[in-house]
Amino acid sequence: MPGPLAGIRVLDLTSVLVGPYCTQVLAEMGAEVTKVEAPEGDIVRLIPPQRHAGMGGMFLTINRGKRSIVIDLKRKEGQAVLLRLARTADVLVSNIRPAAMGRLGLDFDSLHAANPRLVYAAITGYGQDGPYAPKPAYDDLMQGAALIASLTARATGGEPRFAPLAMADRITGLMAVGAINAALVHRARYGECLLYKSDAAD
């Protein structure tokens, strides 16, 4: 049987873990996911173990079931290609910082103008109204901010330690999956699309 998201097209402008994990789950639900990579590729490609250069185990795991395309979004030609793809997409997921997306002409307003039915999911590290808005965020930083390491020390009586399983990235990725699905239901019911911002991990 086809998955519940069969027929849904997703543009995946994410890298590292939180975004690719989100879109991996969407692909497993039946969505047609196209991962967009810069010419140098996702940095997770380099994380061992790997049998072939640039094909690390984690990269293969969290990008399974996806199509792949290389687009240099820093070039006008690349931005034009992305806009063309966005016109027929249902969802765009990005963990590129919003200011950078704006400089590329790929912010919510620009893409919504190209495709009013596009659900735009921006996964960011911090709320975009505070002093940390422009900062990047990774799992260890988010665990620290959420006091996970401190709680581990209190629970064990030992040293502060991070949970060694990219917990913040995975939880945030799953929350983004739920929000995207809710936005798709909202679109189906009311005919309008939403900008969803998940401020938790970059």
N, C-alpha and C. Protein backbone atom coordinates (compact mmCIF):
# COMPACT_ATOMS: atom_id res chain seq x y z
N MET A 1 0.83 -1.20 0.00
CA MET A 1 0.00 0.00 0.00
C MET A 1 0.87 1.25 0.00
N PRO A 2 0.44 2.28 -0.71
CA PRO A 2 1.21 3.53 -0.66
C PRO A 2 1.09 4.17 0.72
N GLY A 3 2.09 4.95 1.09
CA GLY A 3 2.06 5.61 2.38
C GLY A 3 1.04 6.74 2.41
N PRO A 4 0.75 7.26 3.59
CA PRO A 4 -0.25 8.32 3.72
C PRO A 4 0.14 9.62 3.03
N LEU A 5 1.43 9.82 2.76
CA LEU A 5 1.88 11.04 2.08
C LEU A 5 2.18 10.80 0.61
N ALA A 6 1.71 9.70 0.05
CA ALA A 6 1.93 9.44 -1.38
C ALA A 6 1.36 10.59 -2.20
N GLY A 7 2.15 11.05 -3.16
CA GLY A 7 1.72 12.17 -4.00
C GLY A 7 2.16 13.52 -3.48
N ILE A 8 2.69 13.59 -2.27
CA ILE A 8 3.18 14.84 -1.69
C ILE A 8 4.65 15.02 -2.08
N ARG A 9 4.96 16.17 -2.68
CA ARG A 9 6.33 16.46 -3.09
C ARG A 9 7.00 17.37 -2.07
N VAL A 10 8.17 16.95 -1.62
CA VAL A 10 8.91 17.68 -0.59
C VAL A 10 10.27 18.10 -1.14
N LEU A 11 10.60 19.38 -1.02
CA LEU A 11 11.93 19.88 -1.31
C LEU A 11 12.71 19.96 -0.01
N ASP A 12 13.81 19.25 0.05
CA ASP A 12 14.61 19.13 1.27
C ASP A 12 15.87 19.97 1.14
N LEU A 13 15.86 21.17 1.74
CA LEU A 13 17.03 22.05 1.72
C LEU A 13 17.76 21.98 3.06
N THR A 14 17.88 20.77 3.61
CA THR A 14 18.46 20.63 4.93
C THR A 14 19.78 19.88 4.89
N SER A 15 20.54 20.00 5.98
CA SER A 15 21.81 19.29 6.10
C SER A 15 22.02 18.90 7.54
N VAL A 16 23.08 18.18 7.80
CA VAL A 16 23.47 17.65 9.10
C VAL A 16 22.43 16.62 9.54
N LEU A 17 21.67 16.84 10.63
CA LEU A 17 20.80 15.76 11.11
C LEU A 17 19.33 16.15 11.26
N VAL A 18 19.06 17.28 11.91
CA VAL A 18 17.67 17.56 12.26
C VAL A 18 16.75 17.60 11.05
N GLY A 19 17.13 18.30 9.99
CA GLY A 19 16.30 18.39 8.81
C GLY A 19 16.26 17.11 8.01
N PRO A 20 17.43 16.50 7.72
CA PRO A 20 17.41 15.23 7.00
C PRO A 20 16.63 14.12 7.73
N TYR A 21 16.67 14.14 9.08
CA TYR A 21 15.89 13.15 9.83
C TYR A 21 14.40 13.40 9.64
N CYS A 22 13.99 14.66 9.68
CA CYS A 22 12.60 15.04 9.43
C CYS A 22 12.14 14.55 8.06
N THR A 23 12.92 14.84 7.04
CA THR A 23 12.49 14.49 5.69
C THR A 23 12.63 12.99 5.42
N GLN A 24 13.51 12.30 6.16
CA GLN A 24 13.58 10.84 6.06
C GLN A 24 12.25 10.24 6.51
N VAL A 25 11.71 10.74 7.63
CA VAL A 25 10.42 10.24 8.12
C VAL A 25 9.30 10.54 7.12
N LEU A 26 9.33 11.75 6.53
CA LEU A 26 8.33 12.08 5.51
C LEU A 26 8.42 11.13 4.32
N ALA A 27 9.66 10.78 3.92
CA ALA A 27 9.84 9.83 2.81
C ALA A 27 9.29 8.46 3.18
N GLU A 28 9.50 8.04 4.44
CA GLU A 28 8.99 6.75 4.87
C GLU A 28 7.46 6.74 4.92
N MET A 29 6.86 7.92 5.05
CA MET A 29 5.40 8.03 5.01
C MET A 29 4.87 8.09 3.58
N GLY A 30 5.77 8.02 2.60
CA GLY A 30 5.35 7.96 1.21
C GLY A 30 5.58 9.21 0.40
N ALA A 31 6.08 10.28 1.02
CA ALA A 31 6.32 11.52 0.28
C ALA A 31 7.46 11.34 -0.72
N GLU A 32 7.40 12.09 -1.80
CA GLU A 32 8.48 12.13 -2.79
C GLU A 32 9.42 13.26 -2.38
N VAL A 33 10.55 12.90 -1.78
CA VAL A 33 11.47 13.88 -1.22
C VAL A 33 12.66 14.06 -2.16
N THR A 34 12.95 15.30 -2.50
CA THR A 34 14.14 15.63 -3.30
C THR A 34 15.10 16.42 -2.43
N LYS A 35 16.25 15.80 -2.12
CA LYS A 35 17.27 16.47 -1.31
C LYS A 35 18.11 17.37 -2.20
N VAL A 36 18.20 18.63 -1.84
CA VAL A 36 18.99 19.61 -2.58
C VAL A 36 20.31 19.82 -1.83
N GLU A 37 21.42 19.51 -2.49
CA GLU A 37 22.74 19.69 -1.86
C GLU A 37 23.55 20.73 -2.60
N ALA A 38 24.37 21.45 -1.86
CA ALA A 38 25.36 22.35 -2.45
C ALA A 38 26.42 21.51 -3.17
N PRO A 39 27.19 22.11 -4.08
CA PRO A 39 28.21 21.33 -4.81
C PRO A 39 29.18 20.58 -3.90
N GLU A 40 29.48 21.13 -2.73
CA GLU A 40 30.41 20.44 -1.83
C GLU A 40 29.74 19.31 -1.05
N GLY A 41 28.42 19.23 -1.08
CA GLY A 41 27.71 18.14 -0.42
C GLY A 41 27.46 18.39 1.05
N ASP A 42 26.55 17.62 1.60
CA ASP A 42 26.23 17.66 3.03
C ASP A 42 27.45 17.20 3.83
N ILE A 43 27.80 17.93 4.87
CA ILE A 43 28.99 17.60 5.68
C ILE A 43 28.89 16.22 6.31
N VAL A 44 27.67 15.72 6.51
CA VAL A 44 27.49 14.41 7.14
C VAL A 44 27.99 13.29 6.23
N ARG A 45 28.15 13.56 4.94
CA ARG A 45 28.73 12.58 4.03
C ARG A 45 30.12 12.12 4.51
N LEU A 46 30.82 12.99 5.25
CA LEU A 46 32.21 12.73 5.62
C LEU A 46 32.36 11.97 6.93
N ILE A 47 31.26 11.76 7.66
CA ILE A 47 31.35 11.10 8.96
C ILE A 47 31.46 9.59 8.78
N PRO A 48 32.53 8.97 9.32
CA PRO A 48 32.67 7.51 9.21
C PRO A 48 31.68 6.80 10.14
N PRO A 49 31.48 5.50 9.92
CA PRO A 49 32.16 4.64 8.96
C PRO A 49 31.63 4.84 7.55
N GLN A 50 32.48 4.56 6.58
CA GLN A 50 32.06 4.66 5.19
C GLN A 50 32.88 3.71 4.32
N ARG A 51 32.19 3.02 3.45
CA ARG A 51 32.87 2.11 2.51
C ARG A 51 33.41 2.87 1.32
N HIS A 52 32.67 3.94 0.93
CA HIS A 52 33.07 4.76 -0.21
C HIS A 52 33.16 6.21 0.23
N ALA A 53 34.11 6.94 -0.32
CA ALA A 53 34.32 8.34 0.05
C ALA A 53 33.05 9.15 -0.18
N GLY A 54 32.70 9.96 0.80
CA GLY A 54 31.53 10.81 0.68
C GLY A 54 30.21 10.11 0.89
N MET A 55 30.26 8.85 1.36
CA MET A 55 29.03 8.08 1.56
C MET A 55 29.04 7.47 2.96
N GLY A 56 29.13 8.35 3.97
CA GLY A 56 29.15 7.89 5.35
C GLY A 56 27.87 7.18 5.74
N GLY A 57 27.97 6.30 6.72
CA GLY A 57 26.84 5.50 7.15
C GLY A 57 25.65 6.32 7.62
N MET A 58 25.93 7.36 8.41
CA MET A 58 24.83 8.19 8.90
C MET A 58 24.14 8.92 7.74
N PHE A 59 24.92 9.41 6.79
CA PHE A 59 24.34 10.10 5.64
C PHE A 59 23.40 9.16 4.88
N LEU A 60 23.87 7.93 4.63
CA LEU A 60 23.05 6.97 3.90
C LEU A 60 21.77 6.64 4.66
N THR A 61 21.88 6.56 5.98
CA THR A 61 20.72 6.20 6.80
C THR A 61 19.64 7.28 6.77
N ILE A 62 20.04 8.54 6.99
CA ILE A 62 19.02 9.58 7.13
C ILE A 62 18.60 10.20 5.80
N ASN A 63 19.21 9.72 4.71
CA ASN A 63 18.80 10.22 3.39
C ASN A 63 18.27 9.11 2.49
N ARG A 64 17.95 7.98 3.09
CA ARG A 64 17.40 6.88 2.31
C ARG A 64 15.99 7.23 1.82
N GLY A 65 15.66 6.72 0.65
CA GLY A 65 14.33 6.93 0.12
C GLY A 65 14.11 8.30 -0.51
N LYS A 66 15.20 9.04 -0.73
CA LYS A 66 15.08 10.38 -1.30
C LYS A 66 15.73 10.44 -2.68
N ARG A 67 15.24 11.36 -3.49
CA ARG A 67 15.95 11.72 -4.71
C ARG A 67 17.00 12.76 -4.34
N SER A 68 17.92 13.01 -5.24
CA SER A 68 19.00 13.95 -4.93
C SER A 68 19.32 14.82 -6.13
N ILE A 69 19.59 16.08 -5.85
CA ILE A 69 20.00 17.01 -6.90
C ILE A 69 21.01 17.99 -6.31
N VAL A 70 21.99 18.37 -7.12
CA VAL A 70 22.98 19.37 -6.70
C VAL A 70 22.59 20.71 -7.32
N ILE A 71 22.42 21.72 -6.46
CA ILE A 71 22.11 23.07 -6.92
C ILE A 71 22.96 24.05 -6.12
N ASP A 72 23.65 24.93 -6.80
CA ASP A 72 24.41 25.99 -6.13
C ASP A 72 23.47 27.17 -5.90
N LEU A 73 22.91 27.24 -4.71
CA LEU A 73 21.91 28.27 -4.41
C LEU A 73 22.54 29.66 -4.27
N LYS A 74 23.86 29.75 -4.28
CA LYS A 74 24.51 31.06 -4.21
C LYS A 74 24.56 31.73 -5.58
N ARG A 75 24.22 30.97 -6.62
CA ARG A 75 24.21 31.52 -7.98
C ARG A 75 22.78 31.78 -8.43
N LYS A 76 22.60 32.82 -9.22
CA LYS A 76 21.26 33.18 -9.71
C LYS A 76 20.62 32.02 -10.46
N GLU A 77 21.44 31.30 -11.24
CA GLU A 77 20.90 30.17 -12.00
C GLU A 77 20.36 29.09 -11.07
N GLY A 78 21.07 28.86 -9.98
CA GLY A 78 20.62 27.86 -9.00
C GLY A 78 19.34 28.28 -8.32
N GLN A 79 19.25 29.56 -7.98
CA GLN A 79 18.03 30.06 -7.34
C GLN A 79 16.84 29.93 -8.27
N ALA A 80 17.06 30.15 -9.57
CA ALA A 80 15.99 30.02 -10.55
C ALA A 80 15.52 28.57 -10.65
N VAL A 81 16.46 27.64 -10.60
CA VAL A 81 16.10 26.22 -10.64
C VAL A 81 15.27 25.85 -9.41
N LEU A 82 15.69 26.33 -8.25
CA LEU A 82 14.96 26.03 -7.02
C LEU A 82 13.55 26.60 -7.07
N LEU A 83 13.40 27.81 -7.56
CA LEU A 83 12.07 28.41 -7.67
C LEU A 83 11.19 27.60 -8.62
N ARG A 84 11.80 27.09 -9.70
CA ARG A 84 11.03 26.27 -10.64
C ARG A 84 10.55 24.99 -9.96
N LEU A 85 11.41 24.36 -9.17
CA LEU A 85 11.02 23.15 -8.45
C LEU A 85 9.95 23.46 -7.40
N ALA A 86 10.06 24.63 -6.76
CA ALA A 86 9.12 25.00 -5.71
C ALA A 86 7.70 25.20 -6.25
N ARG A 87 7.59 25.54 -7.51
CA ARG A 87 6.26 25.79 -8.09
C ARG A 87 5.40 24.53 -8.13
N THR A 88 6.03 23.36 -8.13
CA THR A 88 5.26 22.12 -8.18
C THR A 88 5.40 21.31 -6.88
N ALA A 89 6.02 21.88 -5.88
CA ALA A 89 6.21 21.17 -4.61
C ALA A 89 5.04 21.46 -3.66
N ASP A 90 4.87 20.57 -2.69
CA ASP A 90 3.86 20.76 -1.65
C ASP A 90 4.49 21.31 -0.37
N VAL A 91 5.73 20.91 -0.12
CA VAL A 91 6.41 21.26 1.14
C VAL A 91 7.85 21.64 0.83
N LEU A 92 8.37 22.65 1.50
CA LEU A 92 9.80 22.94 1.50
C LEU A 92 10.27 22.93 2.94
N VAL A 93 11.32 22.16 3.21
CA VAL A 93 11.90 22.09 4.55
C VAL A 93 13.31 22.62 4.50
N SER A 94 13.64 23.56 5.39
CA SER A 94 14.98 24.15 5.41
C SER A 94 15.47 24.31 6.84
N ASN A 95 16.76 24.04 7.06
CA ASN A 95 17.38 24.45 8.32
C ASN A 95 18.54 25.42 8.05
N ILE A 96 18.46 26.07 6.88
CA ILE A 96 19.35 27.20 6.58
C ILE A 96 18.81 28.39 7.37
N ARG A 97 19.69 29.17 7.96
CA ARG A 97 19.22 30.29 8.76
C ARG A 97 18.36 31.25 7.91
N PRO A 98 17.25 31.74 8.47
CA PRO A 98 16.31 32.56 7.71
C PRO A 98 16.94 33.77 7.03
N ALA A 99 17.90 34.42 7.68
CA ALA A 99 18.54 35.58 7.05
C ALA A 99 19.25 35.17 5.76
N ALA A 100 19.90 34.01 5.78
CA ALA A 100 20.58 33.51 4.58
C ALA A 100 19.57 33.17 3.50
N MET A 101 18.45 32.56 3.88
CA MET A 101 17.40 32.26 2.90
C MET A 101 16.88 33.55 2.27
N GLY A 102 16.77 34.60 3.07
CA GLY A 102 16.32 35.88 2.55
C GLY A 102 17.30 36.46 1.54
N ARG A 103 18.60 36.35 1.85
CA ARG A 103 19.61 36.86 0.91
C ARG A 103 19.60 36.09 -0.41
N LEU A 104 19.20 34.82 -0.35
CA LEU A 104 19.13 34.00 -1.55
C LEU A 104 17.83 34.21 -2.33
N GLY A 105 16.93 35.01 -1.76
CA GLY A 105 15.63 35.19 -2.40
C GLY A 105 14.74 33.97 -2.26
N LEU A 106 14.98 33.18 -1.21
CA LEU A 106 14.23 31.94 -0.99
C LEU A 106 13.50 31.95 0.34
N ASP A 107 13.16 33.15 0.82
CA ASP A 107 12.40 33.28 2.05
C ASP A 107 10.94 32.91 1.81
N PHE A 108 10.16 32.86 2.89
CA PHE A 108 8.76 32.46 2.78
C PHE A 108 7.99 33.31 1.79
N ASP A 109 8.13 34.63 1.86
CA ASP A 109 7.36 35.51 0.98
C ASP A 109 7.66 35.25 -0.50
N SER A 110 8.94 35.06 -0.82
CA SER A 110 9.33 34.83 -2.21
C SER A 110 8.79 33.51 -2.73
N LEU A 111 8.91 32.46 -1.91
CA LEU A 111 8.45 31.15 -2.36
C LEU A 111 6.93 31.05 -2.34
N HIS A 112 6.30 31.74 -1.39
CA HIS A 112 4.84 31.75 -1.35
C HIS A 112 4.28 32.46 -2.58
N ALA A 113 4.98 33.49 -3.03
CA ALA A 113 4.56 34.18 -4.26
C ALA A 113 4.66 33.26 -5.46
N ALA A 114 5.70 32.40 -5.47
CA ALA A 114 5.87 31.46 -6.58
C ALA A 114 4.87 30.31 -6.52
N ASN A 115 4.50 29.91 -5.30
CA ASN A 115 3.57 28.79 -5.11
C ASN A 115 2.77 29.01 -3.83
N PRO A 116 1.57 29.60 -3.92
CA PRO A 116 0.77 29.88 -2.72
C PRO A 116 0.36 28.63 -1.94
N ARG A 117 0.46 27.43 -2.54
CA ARG A 117 0.08 26.20 -1.86
C ARG A 117 1.26 25.54 -1.14
N LEU A 118 2.43 26.18 -1.17
CA LEU A 118 3.63 25.58 -0.58
C LEU A 118 3.64 25.72 0.93
N VAL A 119 3.78 24.59 1.63
CA VAL A 119 3.99 24.61 3.08
C VAL A 119 5.48 24.81 3.31
N TYR A 120 5.84 25.86 4.04
CA TYR A 120 7.23 26.25 4.23
C TYR A 120 7.63 25.99 5.68
N ALA A 121 8.47 24.99 5.91
CA ALA A 121 8.89 24.62 7.26
C ALA A 121 10.33 25.07 7.49
N ALA A 122 10.52 26.05 8.36
CA ALA A 122 11.85 26.58 8.67
C ALA A 122 12.26 26.09 10.06
N ILE A 123 13.23 25.17 10.10
CA ILE A 123 13.71 24.62 11.37
C ILE A 123 14.94 25.44 11.78
N THR A 124 14.80 26.21 12.84
CA THR A 124 15.89 27.09 13.28
C THR A 124 16.28 26.77 14.72
N GLY A 125 17.47 27.23 15.07
CA GLY A 125 17.96 26.97 16.42
C GLY A 125 17.28 27.81 17.48
N TYR A 126 16.97 29.04 17.14
CA TYR A 126 16.44 29.98 18.13
C TYR A 126 15.30 30.79 17.50
N GLY A 127 14.47 31.36 18.36
CA GLY A 127 13.42 32.25 17.88
C GLY A 127 14.03 33.41 17.11
N GLN A 128 13.33 33.89 16.12
CA GLN A 128 13.88 34.90 15.22
C GLN A 128 13.64 36.33 15.68
N ASP A 129 13.15 36.49 16.90
CA ASP A 129 12.93 37.84 17.44
C ASP A 129 13.90 38.20 18.55
N GLY A 130 14.75 37.26 18.96
CA GLY A 130 15.65 37.51 20.09
C GLY A 130 17.08 37.71 19.67
N PRO A 131 17.99 37.91 20.64
CA PRO A 131 19.39 38.19 20.33
C PRO A 131 20.14 37.01 19.75
N TYR A 132 19.64 35.79 19.93
CA TYR A 132 20.32 34.61 19.39
C TYR A 132 19.85 34.27 17.98
N ALA A 133 18.95 35.07 17.43
CA ALA A 133 18.34 34.75 16.12
C ALA A 133 19.34 34.37 15.04
N PRO A 134 20.48 35.08 14.89
CA PRO A 134 21.38 34.73 13.77
C PRO A 134 22.33 33.59 14.07
N LYS A 135 22.29 33.05 15.30
CA LYS A 135 23.29 32.06 15.67
C LYS A 135 22.95 30.67 15.13
N PRO A 136 23.99 29.91 14.72
CA PRO A 136 23.75 28.52 14.35
C PRO A 136 23.54 27.69 15.61
N ALA A 137 22.96 26.52 15.45
CA ALA A 137 22.73 25.66 16.61
C ALA A 137 22.92 24.21 16.21
N TYR A 138 23.56 23.46 17.09
CA TYR A 138 23.76 22.03 16.87
C TYR A 138 23.29 21.28 18.10
N ASP A 139 23.19 19.98 17.97
CA ASP A 139 22.57 19.17 19.02
C ASP A 139 23.21 19.40 20.38
N ASP A 140 24.55 19.43 20.46
CA ASP A 140 25.19 19.59 21.77
C ASP A 140 24.87 20.95 22.38
N LEU A 141 24.80 22.00 21.54
CA LEU A 141 24.44 23.32 22.06
C LEU A 141 23.01 23.32 22.60
N MET A 142 22.10 22.66 21.90
CA MET A 142 20.71 22.61 22.33
C MET A 142 20.55 21.79 23.60
N GLN A 143 21.31 20.69 23.70
CA GLN A 143 21.25 19.91 24.94
C GLN A 143 21.76 20.73 26.12
N GLY A 144 22.82 21.51 25.87
CA GLY A 144 23.33 22.38 26.93
C GLY A 144 22.32 23.43 27.33
N ALA A 145 21.69 24.07 26.35
CA ALA A 145 20.70 25.11 26.63
C ALA A 145 19.49 24.56 27.36
N ALA A 146 19.16 23.29 27.08
CA ALA A 146 18.02 22.65 27.73
C ALA A 146 18.40 21.97 29.05
N LEU A 147 19.65 22.13 29.49
CA LEU A 147 20.17 21.61 30.76
C LEU A 147 20.22 20.09 30.82
N ILE A 148 20.25 19.42 29.66
CA ILE A 148 20.30 17.96 29.66
C ILE A 148 21.56 17.46 30.36
N ALA A 149 22.71 18.07 30.03
CA ALA A 149 23.96 17.64 30.64
C ALA A 149 23.92 17.82 32.16
N SER A 150 23.37 18.93 32.61
CA SER A 150 23.26 19.19 34.05
C SER A 150 22.34 18.19 34.73
N LEU A 151 21.24 17.86 34.08
CA LEU A 151 20.31 16.88 34.65
C LEU A 151 20.94 15.51 34.75
N THR A 152 21.77 15.16 33.76
CA THR A 152 22.48 13.88 33.81
C THR A 152 23.39 13.82 35.02
N ALA A 153 24.09 14.92 35.29
CA ALA A 153 24.98 14.97 36.45
C ALA A 153 24.18 14.83 37.74
N ARG A 154 23.05 15.49 37.83
CA ARG A 154 22.23 15.41 39.04
C ARG A 154 21.68 14.01 39.24
N ALA A 155 21.30 13.35 38.13
CA ALA A 155 20.71 12.02 38.24
C ALA A 155 21.73 10.95 38.60
N THR A 156 22.97 11.13 38.14
CA THR A 156 23.99 10.09 38.35
C THR A 156 24.99 10.44 39.44
N GLY A 157 25.01 11.72 39.85
CA GLY A 157 26.01 12.14 40.82
C GLY A 157 27.40 12.27 40.21
N GLY A 158 27.49 12.24 38.89
CA GLY A 158 28.78 12.31 38.21
C GLY A 158 28.95 13.61 37.45
N GLU A 159 29.76 13.55 36.39
CA GLU A 159 30.04 14.72 35.57
C GLU A 159 28.85 15.03 34.66
N PRO A 160 28.68 16.31 34.30
CA PRO A 160 27.66 16.63 33.27
C PRO A 160 28.02 15.93 31.96
N ARG A 161 27.03 15.31 31.34
CA ARG A 161 27.28 14.60 30.09
C ARG A 161 26.11 14.80 29.13
N PHE A 162 26.44 14.86 27.85
CA PHE A 162 25.40 14.93 26.83
C PHE A 162 24.85 13.53 26.57
N ALA A 163 23.60 13.47 26.18
CA ALA A 163 23.04 12.20 25.72
C ALA A 163 23.67 11.89 24.36
N PRO A 164 24.34 10.75 24.21
CA PRO A 164 25.12 10.48 23.00
C PRO A 164 24.29 9.94 21.84
N LEU A 165 23.17 10.58 21.55
CA LEU A 165 22.33 10.08 20.47
C LEU A 165 21.64 11.20 19.70
N ALA A 166 22.26 12.39 19.70
CA ALA A 166 21.69 13.54 18.99
C ALA A 166 20.21 13.72 19.33
N MET A 167 19.93 13.72 20.62
CA MET A 167 18.56 13.74 21.11
C MET A 167 17.78 14.98 20.68
N ALA A 168 18.38 16.15 20.78
CA ALA A 168 17.68 17.39 20.43
C ALA A 168 17.33 17.41 18.94
N ASP A 169 18.27 16.98 18.10
CA ASP A 169 18.01 16.94 16.66
C ASP A 169 16.87 16.00 16.32
N ARG A 170 16.87 14.82 16.92
CA ARG A 170 15.85 13.83 16.59
C ARG A 170 14.47 14.25 17.09
N ILE A 171 14.40 14.77 18.30
CA ILE A 171 13.11 15.23 18.83
C ILE A 171 12.58 16.38 17.99
N THR A 172 13.45 17.33 17.66
CA THR A 172 13.03 18.47 16.85
C THR A 172 12.58 18.02 15.46
N GLY A 173 13.33 17.08 14.87
CA GLY A 173 12.94 16.56 13.56
C GLY A 173 11.56 15.94 13.59
N LEU A 174 11.26 15.17 14.63
CA LEU A 174 9.93 14.55 14.74
C LEU A 174 8.85 15.60 14.97
N MET A 175 9.16 16.63 15.75
CA MET A 175 8.18 17.71 15.95
C MET A 175 7.89 18.41 14.63
N ALA A 176 8.92 18.59 13.82
CA ALA A 176 8.72 19.22 12.51
C ALA A 176 7.85 18.35 11.61
N VAL A 177 8.05 17.02 11.67
CA VAL A 177 7.19 16.11 10.89
C VAL A 177 5.73 16.32 11.27
N GLY A 178 5.46 16.36 12.58
CA GLY A 178 4.08 16.56 13.03
C GLY A 178 3.51 17.88 12.57
N ALA A 179 4.32 18.93 12.65
CA ALA A 179 3.86 20.26 12.24
C ALA A 179 3.58 20.32 10.75
N ILE A 180 4.45 19.70 9.95
CA ILE A 180 4.26 19.68 8.49
C ILE A 180 2.98 18.93 8.13
N ASN A 181 2.76 17.79 8.77
CA ASN A 181 1.53 17.05 8.50
C ASN A 181 0.30 17.85 8.91
N ALA A 182 0.40 18.55 10.03
CA ALA A 182 -0.73 19.40 10.46
C ALA A 182 -0.98 20.51 9.44
N ALA A 183 0.10 21.09 8.92
CA ALA A 183 -0.04 22.16 7.92
C ALA A 183 -0.67 21.62 6.64
N LEU A 184 -0.33 20.37 6.27
CA LEU A 184 -0.94 19.78 5.08
C LEU A 184 -2.43 19.53 5.29
N VAL A 185 -2.80 19.11 6.49
CA VAL A 185 -4.23 18.94 6.80
C VAL A 185 -4.94 20.29 6.76
N HIS A 186 -4.30 21.31 7.33
CA HIS A 186 -4.87 22.66 7.31
C HIS A 186 -5.09 23.13 5.88
N ARG A 187 -4.10 22.89 5.02
CA ARG A 187 -4.22 23.29 3.61
C ARG A 187 -5.37 22.56 2.94
N ALA A 188 -5.50 21.26 3.22
CA ALA A 188 -6.57 20.48 2.61
C ALA A 188 -7.95 20.97 3.06
N ARG A 189 -8.03 21.39 4.31
CA ARG A 189 -9.33 21.81 4.84
C ARG A 189 -9.69 23.24 4.46
N TYR A 190 -8.70 24.13 4.51
CA TYR A 190 -9.00 25.55 4.38
C TYR A 190 -8.41 26.20 3.13
N GLY A 191 -7.58 25.45 2.38
CA GLY A 191 -7.05 25.97 1.13
C GLY A 191 -5.97 27.02 1.28
N GLU A 192 -5.37 27.13 2.46
CA GLU A 192 -4.30 28.10 2.67
C GLU A 192 -3.10 27.42 3.29
N CYS A 193 -1.93 28.02 3.11
CA CYS A 193 -0.69 27.44 3.63
C CYS A 193 -0.12 28.28 4.76
N LEU A 194 0.72 27.62 5.52
CA LEU A 194 1.28 28.23 6.72
C LEU A 194 2.79 28.25 6.66
N LEU A 195 3.38 29.23 7.34
CA LEU A 195 4.81 29.23 7.62
C LEU A 195 4.96 28.61 8.99
N TYR A 196 5.68 27.48 9.09
CA TYR A 196 5.91 26.85 10.38
C TYR A 196 7.36 27.00 10.77
N LYS A 197 7.62 27.53 11.96
CA LYS A 197 8.98 27.69 12.46
C LYS A 197 9.16 26.81 13.68
N SER A 198 10.13 25.90 13.62
CA SER A 198 10.45 25.06 14.76
C SER A 198 11.79 25.53 15.33
N ASP A 199 11.75 26.27 16.42
CA ASP A 199 12.97 26.84 16.99
C ASP A 199 13.57 25.88 18.01
N ALA A 200 14.45 25.00 17.55
CA ALA A 200 15.02 24.07 18.50
C ALA A 200 16.42 23.61 18.14
N ALA A 201 16.70 23.24 16.92
CA ALA A 201 18.04 22.78 16.57
C ALA A 201 18.30 23.03 15.10
N ASP A 202 19.52 23.38 14.78
CA ASP A 202 19.88 23.72 13.40
C ASP A 202 20.60 22.56 12.74
